[in-house]
Amino acid sequence: MNKDLELNQNHIVSVLGKQPNEFTAEDIIGYIKGQGIKMVNFMYPAADCRLKTLNFVINSMSYLESILKTGERVDGSSLFPFIEAGNSDLYVLPRFSTAFLDPFAPLPTVTMLCSFFDKDGNPLSSSPEQTLRKACKAFTEVTGMEFQAMGELEFYVISPDNETYQATDQRGYHESAPFAKNGDFRTRCMSLIAQAGGQIKYGHSEVGNFTSDGKVYEQNEIEFLPVNALQAADQLMVAKWIIRNLAAHEGLNVTFSPKITSGKAGSGLHVHMRILRDGKNMMLNDDKKLSDTARRAIAGMMELAPSITAFGNTNPTSYFRLVPHQEAPTNICWGDRNRSVLVRVPLGWTSGRDMSSLANGYDSGCTIQDTSMKQTVEMRSPDGSADIYSLLAALAVACRYGFEMENALDIAEKTYVDVNIHQPENAARLASLCQLPENCVQSADELERQREIYQKYNVFSPAMIDGAIAKLRSYDDKDFLKRAVQMPDFMDDLVTRYFHCG
């Protein structure tokens, strides 16, 4: 068996002995027959950014072959606002590479994510998945390289307060049991996500924790490994579905909402990106310094940052998080290992030291492992309200745009900061930087201003852009932050309304 498959936790991968991208209809049929599977589920994202489910009982072999190879009809107008009821039928076809054994189904069930097709059998151009495919294709055609991504999924777990081993308020980063109460829940989530095909890097408790009204609110994070952008989006969607389902099964509550109370850490959905050419990470030069390739991509994100919020920060509570001194960005800038910036270049393994030998007290005499693939850049503005497929598509567009701008390297130089911009002594540098939108209405205005860049190469359809703008403007939230500060009940109402966003 391929070495990379030996420890894979996806049962279908283990049984078939193949990488998921090699799965065929015959493979899935063989697995279903051999493992006594009774049902098949199709899942697909809708405009509310949640996965929808269609259940199939396996009646016969011919029926199983039919649903796997020809799909089924669904009502597109009930899934997306840009589809009219008078012409609403869509096809959903399963993507075999996403197949996993459903951990929550009462009967043995194989679940797969689906693609949408229109009445003529063409991929639905305005679907979230197809938009991301087009964005990645355009990126490759312009640059000759591959766009990859991974997410850092932050969420709060809410459980009864047993009043023992009280944690330190807002000091939960990497806390352990018994002061962290829900670490076991997080690791069970991670195991189920891995069984569903998720490529996880690690998990840990995050900064945010507090108690209120007899409940403990603990912030957690699960971070993934970089993969192609579509796979990254699929993994995040399935992960959110698993986390919510396991919480419901265990009598807990979870939220990915960007802000659930004032004065406490909000939850982000940071996205790391890297750019590959022929399997080599192009984010570093041969001397292990940040490359011009990376700087051009960053410059594109600097230019489109105001409108990226339209896809990554999609309800009014998003902008309660994007305030100073909460480890969330407010200004358009980037820097190295700097958590006050919008785009961060994380610490890389560039020292050339064999740190393992130093840690373990011996000289290995071995060649130091190539760690260049680890280098990414991180966009810190998005949150759990994001339309994940559209967000990653927007980031692919922004990085591509960096290669289309003649002055990209100048923009990268002008927006670089090497200080904490929120310290008083750096007030002048802060004042020189452009700001992110402060509400949904501003975000919509920025998307309208920059829409042609997203629509280039037919990546985002005009209908998708119109829909995003209309939704953001419908909140009419220009004064919401001020009202929330003055009226706590107003913020509580908003938090309740968007508690299970995304």
Protein backbone atom coordinates (compact mmCIF):
# COMPACT_ATOMS: atom_id res chain seq x y z
CA MET A 1 0.00 0.00 0.00
CA ASN A 2 1.08 3.59 -0.65
CA LYS A 3 2.89 4.86 2.46
CA ASP A 4 0.67 7.96 2.58
CA LEU A 5 -2.40 5.70 2.91
CA GLU A 6 -1.16 3.60 5.82
CA LEU A 7 -2.46 5.84 8.60
CA ASN A 8 -5.37 7.43 6.72
CA GLN A 9 -8.42 7.34 9.01
CA ASN A 10 -11.04 7.45 6.22
CA HIS A 11 -12.47 3.92 6.22
CA ILE A 12 -13.22 4.02 2.49
CA VAL A 13 -9.59 4.92 1.73
CA SER A 14 -8.42 2.12 4.01
CA VAL A 15 -10.65 -0.50 2.38
CA LEU A 16 -10.04 0.56 -1.22
CA GLY A 17 -6.32 1.25 -0.77
CA LYS A 18 -6.57 4.28 -3.08
CA GLN A 19 -6.24 8.02 -2.74
CA PRO A 20 -9.67 9.75 -2.71
CA ASN A 21 -8.99 11.55 -6.00
CA GLU A 22 -8.68 8.11 -7.62
CA PHE A 23 -12.14 6.90 -6.52
CA THR A 24 -14.54 5.82 -9.28
CA ALA A 25 -18.24 4.95 -9.25
CA GLU A 26 -17.25 1.28 -9.36
CA ASP A 27 -15.05 1.78 -6.28
CA ILE A 28 -17.94 3.30 -4.34
CA ILE A 29 -20.31 0.55 -5.48
CA GLY A 30 -17.80 -2.11 -4.44
CA TYR A 31 -17.37 -0.53 -1.02
CA ILE A 32 -21.14 -0.26 -0.51
CA LYS A 33 -21.66 -3.93 -1.43
CA GLY A 34 -18.71 -5.20 0.58
CA GLN A 35 -19.45 -3.21 3.74
CA GLY A 36 -23.21 -3.71 3.89
CA ILE A 37 -24.03 -0.02 3.39
CA LYS A 38 -27.78 0.64 3.52
CA MET A 39 -28.05 4.30 2.50
CA VAL A 40 -26.33 7.03 0.50
CA ASN A 41 -26.44 10.73 1.37
CA PHE A 42 -25.77 13.62 -1.04
CA MET A 43 -24.69 16.90 0.60
CA TYR A 44 -24.20 20.32 -0.97
CA PRO A 45 -23.83 23.94 0.18
CA ALA A 46 -26.61 26.49 -0.25
CA ALA A 47 -26.74 30.27 -0.02
CA ASP A 48 -26.95 30.17 3.78
CA CYS A 49 -23.47 28.53 3.78
CA ARG A 50 -24.76 25.33 5.37
CA LEU A 51 -24.67 21.82 3.94
CA LYS A 52 -28.01 20.42 2.78
CA THR A 53 -28.74 16.67 2.68
CA LEU A 54 -30.60 14.33 0.31
CA ASN A 55 -31.07 10.74 1.55
CA PHE A 56 -31.27 7.62 -0.65
CA VAL A 57 -32.28 4.12 0.36
CA ILE A 58 -30.40 1.60 -1.77
CA ASN A 59 -33.27 -0.26 -3.47
CA SER A 60 -31.30 -2.19 -6.06
CA MET A 61 -27.99 -2.28 -7.87
CA SER A 62 -29.47 -0.49 -10.88
CA TYR A 63 -30.82 2.29 -8.64
CA LEU A 64 -27.45 2.66 -6.89
CA GLU A 65 -25.67 2.95 -10.24
CA SER A 66 -28.25 5.48 -11.39
CA ILE A 67 -27.88 7.87 -8.48
CA LEU A 68 -24.08 7.66 -8.49
CA LYS A 69 -23.68 8.19 -12.24
CA THR A 70 -26.64 10.43 -13.17
CA GLY A 71 -27.40 12.18 -9.88
CA GLU A 72 -30.76 13.62 -8.92
CA ARG A 73 -32.89 16.75 -9.38
CA VAL A 74 -33.20 19.45 -6.70
CA ASP A 75 -35.08 22.75 -6.43
CA GLY A 76 -32.41 25.36 -7.03
CA SER A 77 -34.70 28.28 -6.16
CA SER A 78 -34.95 26.94 -2.59
CA LEU A 79 -31.16 26.83 -2.34
CA PHE A 80 -29.99 30.02 -4.07
CA PRO A 81 -31.74 33.41 -4.39
CA PHE A 82 -30.33 34.01 -7.90
CA ILE A 83 -32.29 31.06 -9.33
CA GLU A 84 -35.87 31.84 -10.35
CA ALA A 85 -38.69 29.51 -9.34
CA GLY A 86 -39.92 29.29 -12.93
CA ASN A 87 -36.68 27.65 -14.08
CA SER A 88 -35.37 26.18 -10.87
CA ASP A 89 -34.49 22.52 -11.48
CA LEU A 90 -30.84 21.65 -10.99
CA TYR A 91 -28.93 18.38 -11.04
CA VAL A 92 -26.68 17.30 -8.17
CA LEU A 93 -23.90 14.82 -8.99
CA PRO A 94 -21.72 13.24 -6.29
CA ARG A 95 -17.97 13.82 -6.23
CA PHE A 96 -16.58 10.41 -5.34
CA SER A 97 -13.36 11.84 -3.88
CA THR A 98 -15.39 13.31 -0.99
CA ALA A 99 -16.96 9.99 0.09
CA PHE A 100 -16.89 9.04 3.76
CA LEU A 101 -18.71 6.74 6.17
CA ASP A 102 -21.28 8.92 7.95
CA PRO A 103 -20.52 8.84 11.71
CA PHE A 104 -23.98 10.09 12.74
CA ALA A 105 -26.31 8.06 10.52
CA PRO A 106 -28.37 5.39 12.36
CA LEU A 107 -27.85 2.98 9.44
CA PRO A 108 -24.53 2.33 7.64
CA THR A 109 -24.39 5.28 5.24
CA VAL A 110 -21.94 6.66 2.68
CA THR A 111 -22.04 10.45 2.36
CA MET A 112 -20.61 12.48 -0.54
CA LEU A 113 -20.48 16.15 -1.46
CA CYS A 114 -22.07 17.12 -4.76
CA SER A 115 -21.62 19.48 -7.69
CA PHE A 116 -24.50 21.39 -9.28
CA PHE A 117 -25.34 21.20 -12.99
CA ASP A 118 -27.86 23.20 -15.04
CA LYS A 119 -30.59 21.95 -17.37
CA ASP A 120 -28.12 21.60 -20.24
CA GLY A 121 -25.76 19.42 -18.23
CA ASN A 122 -23.17 22.16 -17.70
CA PRO A 123 -21.62 22.95 -14.31
CA LEU A 124 -23.73 25.66 -12.66
CA SER A 125 -21.53 28.70 -13.22
CA SER A 126 -22.89 30.60 -10.21
CA SER A 127 -22.57 27.77 -7.71
CA PRO A 128 -20.08 28.30 -4.87
CA GLU A 129 -18.00 25.27 -5.84
CA GLN A 130 -17.84 26.14 -9.53
CA THR A 131 -16.87 29.74 -8.74
CA LEU A 132 -13.93 28.45 -6.73
CA ARG A 133 -12.95 26.10 -9.54
CA LYS A 134 -12.98 28.99 -12.01
CA ALA A 135 -10.96 31.20 -9.68
CA CYS A 136 -8.26 28.55 -9.31
CA LYS A 137 -8.24 27.87 -13.05
CA ALA A 138 -7.80 31.58 -13.81
CA PHE A 139 -5.02 31.81 -11.24
CA THR A 140 -3.15 28.95 -12.91
CA GLU A 141 -3.69 30.30 -16.42
CA VAL A 142 -2.31 33.72 -15.45
CA THR A 143 0.58 32.57 -13.25
CA GLY A 144 1.36 29.01 -14.32
CA MET A 145 1.13 28.00 -10.65
CA GLU A 146 -1.30 26.28 -8.27
CA PHE A 147 -3.22 28.08 -5.52
CA GLN A 148 -3.54 26.13 -2.26
CA ALA A 149 -5.22 27.00 1.01
CA MET A 150 -6.07 25.84 4.51
CA GLY A 151 -8.33 27.17 7.24
CA GLU A 152 -8.06 27.80 10.98
CA LEU A 153 -11.55 27.03 12.26
CA GLU A 154 -12.32 28.81 15.55
CA PHE A 155 -15.46 28.15 17.58
CA TYR A 156 -16.86 28.38 21.10
CA VAL A 157 -18.03 25.29 22.99
CA ILE A 158 -20.67 26.05 25.62
CA SER A 159 -21.18 23.70 28.57
CA PRO A 160 -22.53 23.78 32.15
CA ASP A 161 -20.22 25.38 34.72
CA ASN A 162 -19.26 22.83 37.37
CA GLU A 163 -17.37 25.56 39.28
CA THR A 164 -14.14 23.55 39.59
CA TYR A 165 -10.69 24.43 38.21
CA GLN A 166 -11.81 27.81 36.98
CA ALA A 167 -9.87 29.00 33.94
CA THR A 168 -8.31 32.47 33.72
CA ASP A 169 -10.59 34.78 31.80
CA GLN A 170 -9.33 35.45 28.24
CA ARG A 171 -6.20 33.40 28.88
CA GLY A 172 -7.27 30.10 27.37
CA TYR A 173 -4.56 29.79 24.70
CA HIS A 174 -3.37 26.16 24.61
CA GLU A 175 -4.89 25.53 28.07
CA SER A 176 -5.02 21.92 29.26
CA ALA A 177 -7.49 19.92 31.34
CA PRO A 178 -8.78 20.28 33.99
CA PHE A 179 -8.76 24.05 33.46
CA ALA A 180 -9.94 23.50 29.88
CA LYS A 181 -13.20 21.55 30.07
CA ASN A 182 -13.87 20.65 26.44
CA GLY A 183 -10.57 19.38 25.08
CA ASP A 184 -11.94 15.85 24.81
CA PHE A 185 -14.85 17.12 22.73
CA ARG A 186 -12.42 18.88 20.39
CA THR A 187 -10.29 15.75 19.92
CA ARG A 188 -13.37 13.64 19.18
CA CYS A 189 -14.34 16.22 16.56
CA MET A 190 -10.86 16.01 15.07
CA SER A 191 -11.03 12.22 14.88
CA LEU A 192 -14.39 12.30 13.08
CA ILE A 193 -13.19 15.01 10.69
CA ALA A 194 -10.14 12.89 9.85
CA GLN A 195 -12.40 9.88 9.26
CA ALA A 196 -14.37 12.05 6.82
CA GLY A 197 -11.19 12.86 4.89
CA GLY A 198 -10.10 16.08 6.60
CA GLN A 199 -6.35 16.72 6.56
CA ILE A 200 -5.86 18.17 10.05
CA LYS A 201 -2.70 19.88 11.25
CA TYR A 202 -3.61 20.23 14.94
CA GLY A 203 -6.19 21.40 17.44
CA HIS A 204 -6.00 23.42 20.66
CA SER A 205 -7.89 25.67 23.02
CA GLU A 206 -7.86 29.34 22.04
CA VAL A 207 -7.65 32.64 23.92
CA GLY A 208 -11.36 33.15 24.51
CA ASN A 209 -12.94 31.74 27.66
CA PHE A 210 -15.41 33.10 30.15
CA THR A 211 -18.30 32.07 32.38
CA SER A 212 -21.79 33.57 32.31
CA ASP A 213 -25.15 32.54 33.77
CA GLY A 214 -23.91 29.14 34.89
CA LYS A 215 -22.24 28.26 31.58
CA VAL A 216 -18.62 27.95 30.47
CA TYR A 217 -17.73 29.42 27.08
CA GLU A 218 -14.48 27.95 25.76
CA GLN A 219 -12.93 28.90 22.44
CA ASN A 220 -11.28 26.14 20.41
CA GLU A 221 -9.42 25.94 17.12
CA ILE A 222 -8.88 23.17 14.59
CA GLU A 223 -6.29 23.95 11.93
CA PHE A 224 -5.93 22.09 8.64
CA LEU A 225 -3.05 21.32 6.29
CA PRO A 226 -2.63 23.13 2.94
CA VAL A 227 -4.34 21.36 0.04
CA ASN A 228 -5.88 22.47 -3.25
CA ALA A 229 -8.41 25.20 -2.58
CA LEU A 230 -11.53 23.19 -3.45
CA GLN A 231 -10.50 20.40 -1.09
CA ALA A 232 -9.79 23.01 1.59
CA ALA A 233 -13.32 24.41 1.24
CA ASP A 234 -14.88 20.95 1.28
CA GLN A 235 -12.98 20.06 4.46
CA LEU A 236 -14.11 23.19 6.28
CA MET A 237 -17.74 22.64 5.32
CA VAL A 238 -17.71 19.03 6.51
CA ALA A 239 -15.81 19.98 9.67
CA LYS A 240 -18.43 22.55 10.69
CA TRP A 241 -21.17 19.98 10.04
CA ILE A 242 -19.38 17.38 12.18
CA ILE A 243 -18.66 19.77 15.06
CA ARG A 244 -22.29 20.87 15.25
CA ASN A 245 -23.63 17.32 15.02
CA LEU A 246 -21.32 15.95 17.70
CA ALA A 247 -22.20 18.87 19.98
CA ALA A 248 -25.90 18.18 19.49
CA HIS A 249 -25.37 14.48 20.26
CA GLU A 250 -23.48 15.32 23.47
CA GLY A 251 -25.83 18.01 24.75
CA LEU A 252 -23.39 20.86 24.09
CA ASN A 253 -23.79 24.00 22.05
CA VAL A 254 -21.20 25.42 19.63
CA THR A 255 -21.02 28.62 17.66
CA PHE A 256 -18.76 29.86 14.86
CA SER A 257 -20.23 33.35 15.21
CA PRO A 258 -17.59 36.10 14.91
CA LYS A 259 -18.64 37.83 18.14
CA ILE A 260 -20.84 36.55 20.94
CA THR A 261 -20.28 39.20 23.63
CA SER A 262 -18.39 42.44 24.11
CA GLY A 263 -14.93 42.48 25.60
CA LYS A 264 -14.20 38.83 24.80
CA ALA A 265 -12.26 37.30 21.92
CA GLY A 266 -14.21 36.79 18.72
CA SER A 267 -13.85 33.78 16.45
CA GLY A 268 -12.09 34.08 13.11
CA LEU A 269 -11.62 31.83 10.12
CA HIS A 270 -8.03 32.67 9.23
CA VAL A 271 -6.97 31.36 5.83
CA HIS A 272 -3.39 30.35 5.03
CA MET A 273 -2.28 30.20 1.41
CA ARG A 274 0.69 28.97 -0.55
CA ILE A 275 1.56 28.90 -4.24
CA LEU A 276 3.17 25.87 -5.90
CA ARG A 277 4.96 25.33 -9.19
CA ASP A 278 5.65 21.70 -10.13
CA GLY A 279 5.21 20.70 -6.50
CA LYS A 280 7.65 23.32 -5.17
CA ASN A 281 6.53 26.00 -2.71
CA MET A 282 7.15 29.37 -4.36
CA MET A 283 6.60 31.44 -1.20
CA LEU A 284 10.35 31.42 -0.43
CA ASN A 285 13.46 32.21 -2.44
CA ASP A 286 16.35 29.80 -2.55
CA ASP A 287 17.90 31.77 0.34
CA LYS A 288 14.77 31.08 2.47
CA LYS A 289 13.56 34.69 2.26
CA LEU A 290 10.03 35.69 1.29
CA SER A 291 9.86 35.61 -2.50
CA ASP A 292 8.56 38.18 -4.98
CA THR A 293 5.90 35.60 -5.84
CA ALA A 294 4.61 35.80 -2.27
CA ARG A 295 4.89 39.61 -2.24
CA ARG A 296 2.85 39.91 -5.44
CA ALA A 297 0.12 37.70 -3.98
CA ILE A 298 0.14 39.78 -0.80
CA ALA A 299 -0.10 42.99 -2.83
CA GLY A 300 -3.20 41.64 -4.55
CA MET A 301 -4.76 40.95 -1.17
CA MET A 302 -3.85 44.44 -0.01
CA GLU A 303 -5.69 45.92 -3.01
CA LEU A 304 -8.81 43.75 -2.72
CA ALA A 305 -8.93 43.53 1.08
CA PRO A 306 -11.86 45.98 1.38
CA SER A 307 -14.08 43.81 -0.84
CA ILE A 308 -12.87 40.42 0.37
CA THR A 309 -14.88 41.21 3.52
CA ALA A 310 -18.03 40.84 1.40
CA PHE A 311 -17.34 37.09 1.29
CA GLY A 312 -15.50 36.60 4.58
CA ASN A 313 -17.47 38.84 6.95
CA THR A 314 -21.09 38.51 5.99
CA ASN A 315 -23.29 39.70 8.87
CA PRO A 316 -23.30 42.68 11.26
CA THR A 317 -21.60 40.85 14.14
CA SER A 318 -18.58 40.31 11.86
CA TYR A 319 -17.71 43.97 12.28
CA PHE A 320 -17.97 43.82 16.09
CA ARG A 321 -14.91 41.55 15.90
CA LEU A 322 -12.86 43.79 13.58
CA VAL A 323 -11.92 46.28 16.26
CA PRO A 324 -8.51 47.19 17.77
CA HIS A 325 -6.83 45.20 20.56
CA GLN A 326 -8.75 41.95 19.97
CA GLU A 327 -6.11 40.18 17.79
CA ALA A 328 -8.33 40.95 14.80
CA PRO A 329 -7.23 43.23 11.94
CA THR A 330 -8.63 46.69 11.36
CA ASN A 331 -6.15 48.14 8.86
CA ILE A 332 -4.84 47.05 5.48
CA CYS A 333 -1.22 46.05 6.00
CA TRP A 334 0.98 43.00 6.30
CA GLY A 335 4.03 41.89 8.24
CA ASP A 336 6.17 39.05 9.57
CA ARG A 337 4.99 37.19 12.68
CA ASN A 338 2.81 40.22 13.51
CA ARG A 339 -0.71 39.58 14.79
CA SER A 340 -1.84 43.21 14.47
CA VAL A 341 -1.72 43.05 10.65
CA LEU A 342 -4.26 41.90 8.08
CA VAL A 343 -1.94 39.48 6.28
CA ARG A 344 0.67 37.76 8.42
CA VAL A 345 3.75 35.87 7.28
CA PRO A 346 4.00 33.19 9.97
CA LEU A 347 7.26 32.00 11.45
CA GLY A 348 8.93 29.62 9.01
CA TRP A 349 11.44 26.83 9.55
CA THR A 350 14.26 28.84 7.96
CA SER A 351 16.99 28.81 10.61
CA GLY A 352 18.85 25.84 9.14
CA ARG A 353 19.29 24.41 12.65
CA ASP A 354 18.63 20.77 13.56
CA MET A 355 16.39 21.74 16.46
CA SER A 356 15.32 18.15 17.13
CA SER A 357 18.87 17.14 17.94
CA LEU A 358 19.27 20.16 20.22
CA ALA A 359 15.98 19.37 22.00
CA ASN A 360 16.94 15.74 22.51
CA GLY A 361 20.55 16.26 23.45
CA TYR A 362 22.34 14.44 20.65
CA ASP A 363 23.92 15.10 17.28
CA SER A 364 21.89 13.21 14.70
CA GLY A 365 24.38 13.69 11.90
CA CYS A 366 21.42 13.64 9.55
CA THR A 367 20.57 15.99 6.74
CA ILE A 368 18.10 18.62 7.94
CA GLN A 369 14.61 17.98 6.59
CA ASP A 370 13.36 20.29 3.84
CA THR A 371 10.75 22.48 5.54
CA SER A 372 10.13 24.96 2.72
CA MET A 373 6.65 23.51 2.07
CA LYS A 374 5.54 24.78 5.48
CA GLN A 375 5.73 28.48 4.55
CA THR A 376 2.35 30.16 4.02
CA VAL A 377 0.82 33.61 4.29
CA GLU A 378 -2.28 34.14 6.43
CA MET A 379 -5.34 36.33 5.80
CA ARG A 380 -6.75 37.22 9.23
CA SER A 381 -9.96 39.13 8.52
CA PRO A 382 -12.47 36.33 7.64
CA ASP A 383 -14.70 34.76 10.27
CA GLY A 384 -17.17 31.92 10.73
CA SER A 385 -19.93 33.73 8.83
CA ALA A 386 -17.94 33.33 5.61
CA ASP A 387 -19.26 31.81 2.43
CA ILE A 388 -16.27 29.47 2.39
CA TYR A 389 -16.19 28.63 -1.33
CA SER A 390 -16.70 32.27 -2.35
CA LEU A 391 -14.14 33.44 0.21
CA LEU A 392 -11.43 31.13 -1.12
CA ALA A 393 -12.40 32.11 -4.67
CA ALA A 394 -12.03 35.78 -3.72
CA LEU A 395 -8.60 35.12 -2.21
CA ALA A 396 -7.53 33.27 -5.37
CA VAL A 397 -8.73 36.26 -7.41
CA ALA A 398 -6.81 38.65 -5.16
CA CYS A 399 -3.59 36.66 -5.37
CA ARG A 400 -3.97 36.41 -9.17
CA TYR A 401 -4.56 40.17 -9.34
CA GLY A 402 -1.21 40.69 -7.65
CA PHE A 403 0.46 39.19 -10.72
CA GLU A 404 -1.55 41.44 -13.04
CA MET A 405 -0.56 44.71 -11.33
CA GLU A 406 2.61 46.34 -12.64
CA ASN A 407 3.21 48.07 -9.29
CA ALA A 408 2.52 45.05 -7.09
CA LEU A 409 5.94 45.02 -5.45
CA ASP A 410 5.68 48.74 -4.69
CA ILE A 411 2.29 48.17 -3.04
CA ALA A 412 3.76 45.32 -1.00
CA GLU A 413 6.57 47.58 0.18
CA LYS A 414 4.24 50.47 1.09
CA THR A 415 1.84 48.30 3.10
CA TYR A 416 4.49 46.37 5.05
CA VAL A 417 4.74 47.09 8.79
CA ASP A 418 7.21 45.72 11.31
CA VAL A 419 5.61 47.17 14.49
CA ASN A 420 2.41 46.72 16.48
CA ILE A 421 0.35 49.41 14.83
CA HIS A 422 -1.94 49.74 17.86
CA GLN A 423 0.82 50.89 20.21
CA PRO A 424 0.68 54.66 20.93
CA GLU A 425 4.20 55.25 19.64
CA ASN A 426 3.12 53.90 16.22
CA ALA A 427 0.08 56.16 15.82
CA ALA A 428 1.53 57.91 12.76
CA ARG A 429 2.07 54.61 10.95
CA LEU A 430 -1.46 53.51 11.82
CA ALA A 431 -2.90 56.76 10.46
CA SER A 432 -1.14 56.19 7.12
CA LEU A 433 -2.90 52.86 6.52
CA CYS A 434 -6.26 52.31 4.87
CA GLN A 435 -8.99 50.75 7.00
CA LEU A 436 -11.15 47.70 6.47
CA PRO A 437 -14.90 48.31 6.14
CA GLU A 438 -16.63 48.98 9.44
CA ASN A 439 -20.00 47.44 8.55
CA CYS A 440 -21.83 45.38 5.95
CA VAL A 441 -22.95 48.43 4.00
CA GLN A 442 -19.38 49.65 3.55
CA SER A 443 -18.33 46.15 2.53
CA ALA A 444 -21.05 46.10 -0.13
CA ASP A 445 -19.89 49.47 -1.44
CA GLU A 446 -16.31 48.19 -1.73
CA LEU A 447 -17.47 45.08 -3.61
CA GLU A 448 -19.43 47.27 -6.02
CA ARG A 449 -16.31 49.40 -6.56
CA GLN A 450 -14.05 46.41 -7.26
CA ARG A 451 -16.52 43.98 -8.84
CA GLU A 452 -14.93 44.01 -12.31
CA ILE A 453 -11.81 42.35 -10.93
CA TYR A 454 -13.88 39.47 -9.54
CA GLN A 455 -15.91 39.14 -12.74
CA LYS A 456 -12.81 39.01 -14.96
CA TYR A 457 -12.37 35.65 -16.72
CA ASN A 458 -16.03 34.97 -15.76
CA VAL A 459 -14.96 33.81 -12.30
CA PHE A 460 -17.75 35.46 -10.30
CA SER A 461 -21.01 35.85 -12.17
CA PRO A 462 -22.71 39.27 -12.09
CA ALA A 463 -25.67 37.58 -10.38
CA MET A 464 -23.44 36.37 -7.54
CA ILE A 465 -21.92 39.81 -7.04
CA ASP A 466 -25.36 41.45 -7.16
CA GLY A 467 -26.65 38.94 -4.62
CA ALA A 468 -23.78 39.50 -2.21
CA ILE A 469 -24.16 43.28 -2.44
CA ALA A 470 -27.92 43.16 -1.93
CA LYS A 471 -27.63 40.89 1.09
CA LEU A 472 -24.99 43.07 2.76
CA ARG A 473 -26.94 46.28 2.14
CA SER A 474 -30.13 44.75 3.47
CA TYR A 475 -28.67 44.81 7.00
CA ASP A 476 -28.56 48.64 6.97
CA ASP A 477 -26.05 48.39 9.81
CA LYS A 478 -24.08 51.64 9.60
CA ASP A 479 -24.81 52.53 13.24
CA PHE A 480 -25.02 49.02 14.71
CA LEU A 481 -21.67 49.10 16.50
CA LYS A 482 -22.50 52.42 18.17
CA ARG A 483 -25.94 51.13 19.19
CA ALA A 484 -24.45 47.90 20.53
CA VAL A 485 -22.03 49.84 22.75
CA GLN A 486 -24.84 52.01 24.09
CA MET A 487 -27.51 49.28 24.36
CA PRO A 488 -26.30 45.83 25.49
CA ASP A 489 -29.73 44.35 24.75
CA PHE A 490 -29.32 45.37 21.11
CA MET A 491 -26.05 43.43 20.84
CA ASP A 492 -27.60 40.44 22.62
CA ASP A 493 -30.42 40.38 20.06
CA LEU A 494 -27.91 40.45 17.17
CA VAL A 495 -25.80 37.72 18.73
CA THR A 496 -28.88 35.53 19.14
CA ARG A 497 -29.94 36.16 15.55
CA TYR A 498 -26.57 35.20 14.05
CA PHE A 499 -25.45 32.68 16.69
CA HIS A 500 -25.44 29.80 14.20
CA CYS A 501 -24.31 31.70 11.12
CA GLY A 502 -22.30 30.05 8.39
